[in-house]
Amino acid sequence: VAEAKADSTILRLVAQNKLDKSWRKASRASVVQQDGEQGKVWVVQYANNLETDPNKKSLYVVLDYLGNVLSAAHSPSD
């Protein structure tokens, strides 16, 4: 469920022009569960080899245990 929610978040951000269209072809690099400030969270990392900025080649989508998106950022701590 976390993966599907994160995938749809990527597509939504592309549609809103907050991410480049190349992110539609990004691959899921990892899915891990971590302890967050408000309990367990899922962190889904994506890799985009088409991104030219090395600081933006990864995107981390953080979801709570219910699947609500908490954040989407190029750094895992943002």
PDB file of N, CA and C in Angstrom:
ATOM      1  N   VAL A   1       0.832  -1.193   0.000  1.00  0.00           N
ATOM      2  CA  VAL A   1       0.000   0.000   0.000  1.00  0.00           C
ATOM      3  C   VAL A   1       0.873   1.252   0.000  1.00  0.00           C
ATOM      4  N   ALA A   2       1.949   1.252   0.796  1.00  0.00           N
ATOM      5  CA  ALA A   2       2.838   2.412   0.854  1.00  0.00           C
ATOM      6  C   ALA A   2       3.448   2.687  -0.509  1.00  0.00           C
ATOM      7  N   GLU A   3       3.824   1.632  -1.208  1.00  0.00           N
ATOM      8  CA  GLU A   3       4.434   1.800  -2.529  1.00  0.00           C
ATOM      9  C   GLU A   3       3.451   2.425  -3.512  1.00  0.00           C
ATOM     10  N   ALA A   4       2.219   1.953  -3.522  1.00  0.00           N
ATOM     11  CA  ALA A   4       1.211   2.477  -4.436  1.00  0.00           C
ATOM     12  C   ALA A   4       0.907   3.943  -4.132  1.00  0.00           C
ATOM     13  N   LYS A   5       0.805   4.285  -2.862  1.00  0.00           N
ATOM     14  CA  LYS A   5       0.545   5.675  -2.465  1.00  0.00           C
ATOM     15  C   LYS A   5       1.712   6.569  -2.868  1.00  0.00           C
ATOM     16  N   ALA A   6       2.933   6.081  -2.672  1.00  0.00           N
ATOM     17  CA  ALA A   6       4.119   6.860  -3.039  1.00  0.00           C
ATOM     18  C   ALA A   6       4.183   7.041  -4.547  1.00  0.00           C
ATOM     19  N   ASP A   7       3.877   5.986  -5.305  1.00  0.00           N
ATOM     20  CA  ASP A   7       3.860   6.080  -6.769  1.00  0.00           C
ATOM     21  C   ASP A   7       2.865   7.148  -7.232  1.00  0.00           C
ATOM     22  N   SER A   8       1.680   7.156  -6.644  1.00  0.00           N
ATOM     23  CA  SER A   8       0.674   8.138  -7.048  1.00  0.00           C
ATOM     24  C   SER A   8       1.089   9.543  -6.627  1.00  0.00           C
ATOM     25  N   THR A   9       1.856   9.663  -5.556  1.00  0.00           N
ATOM     26  CA  THR A   9       2.357  10.965  -5.132  1.00  0.00           C
ATOM     27  C   THR A   9       3.323  11.530  -6.172  1.00  0.00           C
ATOM     28  N   ILE A  10       4.199  10.667  -6.689  1.00  0.00           N
ATOM     29  CA  ILE A  10       5.133  11.092  -7.734  1.00  0.00           C
ATOM     30  C   ILE A  10       4.354  11.613  -8.945  1.00  0.00           C
ATOM     31  N   LEU A  11       3.363  10.858  -9.382  1.00  0.00           N
ATOM     32  CA  LEU A  11       2.571  11.267 -10.553  1.00  0.00           C
ATOM     33  C   LEU A  11       1.833  12.586 -10.302  1.00  0.00           C
ATOM     34  N   ARG A  12       1.324  12.763  -9.091  1.00  0.00           N
ATOM     35  CA  ARG A  12       0.619  14.000  -8.745  1.00  0.00           C
ATOM     36  C   ARG A  12       1.581  15.192  -8.772  1.00  0.00           C
ATOM     37  N   LEU A  13       2.777  15.012  -8.228  1.00  0.00           N
ATOM     38  CA  LEU A  13       3.767  16.099  -8.210  1.00  0.00           C
ATOM     39  C   LEU A  13       4.223  16.464  -9.622  1.00  0.00           C
ATOM     40  N   VAL A  14       4.318  15.476 -10.503  1.00  0.00           N
ATOM     41  CA  VAL A  14       4.652  15.753 -11.906  1.00  0.00           C
ATOM     42  C   VAL A  14       3.506  16.533 -12.552  1.00  0.00           C
ATOM     43  N   ALA A  15       2.271  16.114 -12.313  1.00  0.00           N
ATOM     44  CA  ALA A  15       1.109  16.789 -12.896  1.00  0.00           C
ATOM     45  C   ALA A  15       0.999  18.236 -12.409  1.00  0.00           C
ATOM     46  N   GLN A  16       1.446  18.493 -11.181  1.00  0.00           N
ATOM     47  CA  GLN A  16       1.414  19.847 -10.616  1.00  0.00           C
ATOM     48  C   GLN A  16       2.667  20.650 -10.978  1.00  0.00           C
ATOM     49  N   ASN A  17       3.518  20.082 -11.830  1.00  0.00           N
ATOM     50  CA  ASN A  17       4.768  20.711 -12.253  1.00  0.00           C
ATOM     51  C   ASN A  17       5.728  20.995 -11.098  1.00  0.00           C
ATOM     52  N   LYS A  18       5.625  20.215 -10.039  1.00  0.00           N
ATOM     53  CA  LYS A  18       6.556  20.338  -8.918  1.00  0.00           C
ATOM     54  C   LYS A  18       7.765  19.429  -9.109  1.00  0.00           C
ATOM     55  N   LEU A  19       7.614  18.443  -9.984  1.00  0.00           N
ATOM     56  CA  LEU A  19       8.714  17.559 -10.386  1.00  0.00           C
ATOM     57  C   LEU A  19       8.761  17.513 -11.899  1.00  0.00           C
ATOM     58  N   ASP A  20       9.961  17.338 -12.421  1.00  0.00           N
ATOM     59  CA  ASP A  20      10.141  17.204 -13.860  1.00  0.00           C
ATOM     60  C   ASP A  20       9.445  15.936 -14.358  1.00  0.00           C
ATOM     61  N   LYS A  21       9.029  15.951 -15.614  1.00  0.00           N
ATOM     62  CA  LYS A  21       8.337  14.802 -16.211  1.00  0.00           C
ATOM     63  C   LYS A  21       9.179  13.527 -16.193  1.00  0.00           C
ATOM     64  N   SER A  22      10.497  13.683 -16.123  1.00  0.00           N
ATOM     65  CA  SER A  22      11.372  12.504 -16.095  1.00  0.00           C
ATOM     66  C   SER A  22      11.130  11.637 -14.852  1.00  0.00           C
ATOM     67  N   TRP A  23      10.527  12.209 -13.814  1.00  0.00           N
ATOM     68  CA  TRP A  23      10.263  11.442 -12.589  1.00  0.00           C
ATOM     69  C   TRP A  23       9.199  10.368 -12.801  1.00  0.00           C
ATOM     70  N   ARG A  24       8.422  10.465 -13.879  1.00  0.00           N
ATOM     71  CA  ARG A  24       7.448   9.398 -14.167  1.00  0.00           C
ATOM     72  C   ARG A  24       8.158   8.081 -14.454  1.00  0.00           C
ATOM     73  N   LYS A  25       9.424   8.160 -14.906  1.00  0.00           N
ATOM     74  CA  LYS A  25      10.188   6.959 -15.231  1.00  0.00           C
ATOM     75  C   LYS A  25      11.175   6.582 -14.134  1.00  0.00           C
ATOM     76  N   ALA A  26      11.096   7.247 -12.995  1.00  0.00           N
ATOM     77  CA  ALA A  26      12.009   6.943 -11.891  1.00  0.00           C
ATOM     78  C   ALA A  26      11.732   5.543 -11.356  1.00  0.00           C
ATOM     79  N   SER A  27      12.773   4.931 -10.842  1.00  0.00           N
ATOM     80  CA  SER A  27      12.611   3.586 -10.287  1.00  0.00           C
ATOM     81  C   SER A  27      12.605   3.650  -8.766  1.00  0.00           C
ATOM     82  N   ARG A  28      11.866   2.734  -8.181  1.00  0.00           N
ATOM     83  CA  ARG A  28      11.808   2.644  -6.724  1.00  0.00           C
ATOM     84  C   ARG A  28      13.105   1.987  -6.254  1.00  0.00           C
ATOM     85  N   ALA A  29      13.881   2.688  -5.446  1.00  0.00           N
ATOM     86  CA  ALA A  29      15.174   2.184  -4.989  1.00  0.00           C
ATOM     87  C   ALA A  29      15.064   1.400  -3.688  1.00  0.00           C
ATOM     88  N   SER A  30      14.191   1.853  -2.789  1.00  0.00           N
ATOM     89  CA  SER A  30      14.039   1.142  -1.518  1.00  0.00           C
ATOM     90  C   SER A  30      12.731   1.526  -0.846  1.00  0.00           C
ATOM     91  N   VAL A  31      12.270   0.632   0.015  1.00  0.00           N
ATOM     92  CA  VAL A  31      11.095   0.870   0.848  1.00  0.00           C
ATOM     93  C   VAL A  31      11.458   0.366   2.235  1.00  0.00           C
ATOM     94  N   VAL A  32      11.484   1.278   3.212  1.00  0.00           N
ATOM     95  CA  VAL A  32      11.842   0.882   4.575  1.00  0.00           C
ATOM     96  C   VAL A  32      10.868   1.490   5.568  1.00  0.00           C
ATOM     97  N   GLN A  33      10.697   0.795   6.665  1.00  0.00           N
ATOM     98  CA  GLN A  33       9.884   1.321   7.752  1.00  0.00           C
ATOM     99  C   GLN A  33      10.828   1.824   8.826  1.00  0.00           C
ATOM    100  N   GLN A  34      10.556   3.027   9.341  1.00  0.00           N
ATOM    101  CA  GLN A  34      11.403   3.639  10.351  1.00  0.00           C
ATOM    102  C   GLN A  34      10.548   4.188  11.475  1.00  0.00           C
ATOM    103  N   ASP A  35      11.189   4.433  12.610  1.00  0.00           N
ATOM    104  CA  ASP A  35      10.518   5.113  13.710  1.00  0.00           C
ATOM    105  C   ASP A  35      10.587   6.611  13.465  1.00  0.00           C
ATOM    106  N   GLY A  36       9.432   7.262  13.401  1.00  0.00           N
ATOM    107  CA  GLY A  36       9.359   8.704  13.211  1.00  0.00           C
ATOM    108  C   GLY A  36       8.926   9.383  14.490  1.00  0.00           C
ATOM    109  N   GLU A  37       8.801  10.689  14.432  1.00  0.00           N
ATOM    110  CA  GLU A  37       8.389  11.464  15.607  1.00  0.00           C
ATOM    111  C   GLU A  37       6.997  11.075  16.085  1.00  0.00           C
ATOM    112  N   GLN A  38       6.113  10.710  15.148  1.00  0.00           N
ATOM    113  CA  GLN A  38       4.743  10.337  15.505  1.00  0.00           C
ATOM    114  C   GLN A  38       4.486   8.846  15.357  1.00  0.00           C
ATOM    115  N   GLY A  39       5.530   8.052  15.454  1.00  0.00           N
ATOM    116  CA  GLY A  39       5.382   6.607  15.325  1.00  0.00           C
ATOM    117  C   GLY A  39       6.060   6.084  14.071  1.00  0.00           C
ATOM    118  N   LYS A  40       5.672   4.895  13.663  1.00  0.00           N
ATOM    119  CA  LYS A  40       6.275   4.255  12.500  1.00  0.00           C
ATOM    120  C   LYS A  40       5.886   4.977  11.215  1.00  0.00           C
ATOM    121  N   VAL A  41       6.859   5.125  10.322  1.00  0.00           N
ATOM    122  CA  VAL A  41       6.616   5.714   9.011  1.00  0.00           C
ATOM    123  C   VAL A  41       7.263   4.839   7.953  1.00  0.00           C
ATOM    124  N   TRP A  42       6.761   4.941   6.735  1.00  0.00           N
ATOM    125  CA  TRP A  42       7.352   4.281   5.577  1.00  0.00           C
ATOM    126  C   TRP A  42       8.133   5.324   4.798  1.00  0.00           C
ATOM    127  N   VAL A  43       9.339   4.991   4.378  1.00  0.00           N
ATOM    128  CA  VAL A  43      10.147   5.869   3.542  1.00  0.00           C
ATOM    129  C   VAL A  43      10.403   5.136   2.230  1.00  0.00           C
ATOM    130  N   VAL A  44       9.874   5.702   1.148  1.00  0.00           N
ATOM    131  CA  VAL A  44      10.032   5.108  -0.176  1.00  0.00           C
ATOM    132  C   VAL A  44      11.002   6.000  -0.949  1.00  0.00           C
ATOM    133  N   GLN A  45      12.126   5.428  -1.340  1.00  0.00           N
ATOM    134  CA  GLN A  45      13.140   6.180  -2.075  1.00  0.00           C
ATOM    135  C   GLN A  45      13.039   5.850  -3.563  1.00  0.00           C
ATOM    136  N   TYR A  46      13.102   6.897  -4.385  1.00  0.00           N
ATOM    137  CA  TYR A  46      13.098   6.759  -5.833  1.00  0.00           C
ATOM    138  C   TYR A  46      14.417   7.277  -6.378  1.00  0.00           C
ATOM    139  N   ALA A  47      14.868   6.679  -7.474  1.00  0.00           N
ATOM    140  CA  ALA A  47      16.076   7.125  -8.160  1.00  0.00           C
ATOM    141  C   ALA A  47      15.706   7.522  -9.582  1.00  0.00           C
ATOM    142  N   ASN A  48      16.219   8.676 -10.008  1.00  0.00           N
ATOM    143  CA  ASN A  48      15.948   9.170 -11.350  1.00  0.00           C
ATOM    144  C   ASN A  48      17.281   9.392 -12.057  1.00  0.00           C
ATOM    145  N   ASN A  49      17.668   8.463 -12.906  1.00  0.00           N
ATOM    146  CA  ASN A  49      18.929   8.562 -13.632  1.00  0.00           C
ATOM    147  C   ASN A  49      18.911   9.644 -14.703  1.00  0.00           C
ATOM    148  N   LEU A  50      17.729  10.148 -15.062  1.00  0.00           N
ATOM    149  CA  LEU A  50      17.630  11.204 -16.063  1.00  0.00           C
ATOM    150  C   LEU A  50      17.833  12.594 -15.460  1.00  0.00           C
ATOM    151  N   GLU A  51      17.824  12.692 -14.148  1.00  0.00           N
ATOM    152  CA  GLU A  51      18.021  13.975 -13.465  1.00  0.00           C
ATOM    153  C   GLU A  51      19.480  14.392 -13.590  1.00  0.00           C
ATOM    154  N   THR A  52      19.721  15.641 -14.017  1.00  0.00           N
ATOM    155  CA  THR A  52      21.090  16.108 -14.219  1.00  0.00           C
ATOM    156  C   THR A  52      21.731  16.639 -12.945  1.00  0.00           C
ATOM    157  N   ASP A  53      20.937  17.133 -12.013  1.00  0.00           N
ATOM    158  CA  ASP A  53      21.468  17.658 -10.755  1.00  0.00           C
ATOM    159  C   ASP A  53      21.734  16.486  -9.814  1.00  0.00           C
ATOM    160  N   PRO A  54      23.000  16.235  -9.445  1.00  0.00           N
ATOM    161  CA  PRO A  54      23.305  15.079  -8.584  1.00  0.00           C
ATOM    162  C   PRO A  54      22.625  15.142  -7.212  1.00  0.00           C
ATOM    163  N   ASN A  55      22.290  16.345  -6.758  1.00  0.00           N
ATOM    164  CA  ASN A  55      21.612  16.485  -5.465  1.00  0.00           C
ATOM    165  C   ASN A  55      20.124  16.162  -5.551  1.00  0.00           C
ATOM    166  N   LYS A  56      19.622  15.967  -6.752  1.00  0.00           N
ATOM    167  CA  LYS A  56      18.191  15.701  -6.935  1.00  0.00           C
ATOM    168  C   LYS A  56      17.925  14.380  -7.628  1.00  0.00           C
ATOM    169  N   LYS A  57      18.896  13.482  -7.654  1.00  0.00           N
ATOM    170  CA  LYS A  57      18.725  12.182  -8.298  1.00  0.00           C
ATOM    171  C   LYS A  57      17.869  11.222  -7.470  1.00  0.00           C
ATOM    172  N   SER A  58      17.717  11.516  -6.176  1.00  0.00           N
ATOM    173  CA  SER A  58      16.882  10.692  -5.302  1.00  0.00           C
ATOM    174  C   SER A  58      15.727  11.532  -4.773  1.00  0.00           C
ATOM    175  N   LEU A  59      14.602  10.865  -4.570  1.00  0.00           N
ATOM    176  CA  LEU A  59      13.442  11.508  -3.967  1.00  0.00           C
ATOM    177  C   LEU A  59      12.909  10.552  -2.906  1.00  0.00           C
ATOM    178  N   TYR A  60      12.589  11.091  -1.744  1.00  0.00           N
ATOM    179  CA  TYR A  60      12.104  10.299  -0.623  1.00  0.00           C
ATOM    180  C   TYR A  60      10.667  10.706  -0.320  1.00  0.00           C
ATOM    181  N   VAL A  61       9.769   9.745  -0.370  1.00  0.00           N
ATOM    182  CA  VAL A  61       8.372   9.975  -0.017  1.00  0.00           C
ATOM    183  C   VAL A  61       8.143   9.298   1.326  1.00  0.00           C
ATOM    184  N   VAL A  62       7.701  10.086   2.308  1.00  0.00           N
ATOM    185  CA  VAL A  62       7.483   9.584   3.669  1.00  0.00           C
ATOM    186  C   VAL A  62       5.984   9.516   3.919  1.00  0.00           C
ATOM    187  N   LEU A  63       5.526   8.343   4.374  1.00  0.00           N
ATOM    188  CA  LEU A  63       4.105   8.122   4.644  1.00  0.00           C
ATOM    189  C   LEU A  63       3.919   7.624   6.068  1.00  0.00           C
ATOM    190  N   ASP A  64       2.784   7.980   6.679  1.00  0.00           N
ATOM    191  CA  ASP A  64       2.497   7.442   8.000  1.00  0.00           C
ATOM    192  C   ASP A  64       1.952   6.022   7.871  1.00  0.00           C
ATOM    193  N   TYR A  65       1.658   5.383   8.984  1.00  0.00           N
ATOM    194  CA  TYR A  65       1.225   3.983   8.972  1.00  0.00           C
ATOM    195  C   TYR A  65      -0.116   3.775   8.281  1.00  0.00           C
ATOM    196  N   LEU A  66      -0.892   4.860   8.088  1.00  0.00           N
ATOM    197  CA  LEU A  66      -2.175   4.769   7.395  1.00  0.00           C
ATOM    198  C   LEU A  66      -2.031   4.998   5.894  1.00  0.00           C
ATOM    199  N   GLY A  67      -0.826   5.410   5.454  1.00  0.00           N
ATOM    200  CA  GLY A  67      -0.598   5.672   4.049  1.00  0.00           C
ATOM    201  C   GLY A  67      -0.741   7.128   3.654  1.00  0.00           C
ATOM    202  N   ASN A  68      -0.878   8.015   4.645  1.00  0.00           N
ATOM    203  CA  ASN A  68      -0.947   9.444   4.356  1.00  0.00           C
ATOM    204  C   ASN A  68       0.451   9.977   4.083  1.00  0.00           C
ATOM    205  N   VAL A  69       0.587  10.773   3.036  1.00  0.00           N
ATOM    206  CA  VAL A  69       1.892  11.332   2.679  1.00  0.00           C
ATOM    207  C   VAL A  69       2.235  12.447   3.656  1.00  0.00           C
ATOM    208  N   LEU A  70       3.407  12.310   4.285  1.00  0.00           N
ATOM    209  CA  LEU A  70       3.890  13.315   5.219  1.00  0.00           C
ATOM    210  C   LEU A  70       4.836  14.290   4.536  1.00  0.00           C
ATOM    211  N   SER A  71       5.648  13.795   3.606  1.00  0.00           N
ATOM    212  CA  SER A  71       6.560  14.669   2.888  1.00  0.00           C
ATOM    213  C   SER A  71       7.088  13.968   1.644  1.00  0.00           C
ATOM    214  N   ALA A  72       7.619  14.776   0.747  1.00  0.00           N
ATOM    215  CA  ALA A  72       8.306  14.280  -0.445  1.00  0.00           C
ATOM    216  C   ALA A  72       9.443  15.268  -0.698  1.00  0.00           C
ATOM    217  N   ALA A  73      10.673  14.795  -0.581  1.00  0.00           N
ATOM    218  CA  ALA A  73      11.822  15.687  -0.683  1.00  0.00           C
ATOM    219  C   ALA A  73      13.025  14.949  -1.249  1.00  0.00           C
ATOM    220  N   HIS A  74      13.996  15.717  -1.737  1.00  0.00           N
ATOM    221  CA  HIS A  74      15.201  15.125  -2.302  1.00  0.00           C
ATOM    222  C   HIS A  74      16.191  14.685  -1.234  1.00  0.00           C
ATOM    223  N   SER A  75      15.953  15.072  -0.006  1.00  0.00           N
ATOM    224  CA  SER A  75      16.805  14.665   1.107  1.00  0.00           C
ATOM    225  C   SER A  75      15.945  13.900   2.102  1.00  0.00           C
ATOM    226  N   PRO A  76      16.459  12.818   2.675  1.00  0.00           N
ATOM    227  CA  PRO A  76      15.620  12.033   3.588  1.00  0.00           C
ATOM    228  C   PRO A  76      15.246  12.782   4.865  1.00  0.00           C
ATOM    229  N   SER A  77      15.950  13.858   5.192  1.00  0.00           N
ATOM    230  CA  SER A  77      15.666  14.557   6.437  1.00  0.00           C
ATOM    231  C   SER A  77      14.812  15.799   6.233  1.00  0.00           C
ATOM    232  N   ASP A  78      14.451  16.138   4.987  1.00  0.00           N
ATOM    233  CA  ASP A  78      13.619  17.322   4.732  1.00  0.00           C
ATOM    234  C   ASP A  78      12.165  17.066   5.077  1.00  0.00           C
TER     235      ASP A  78
END
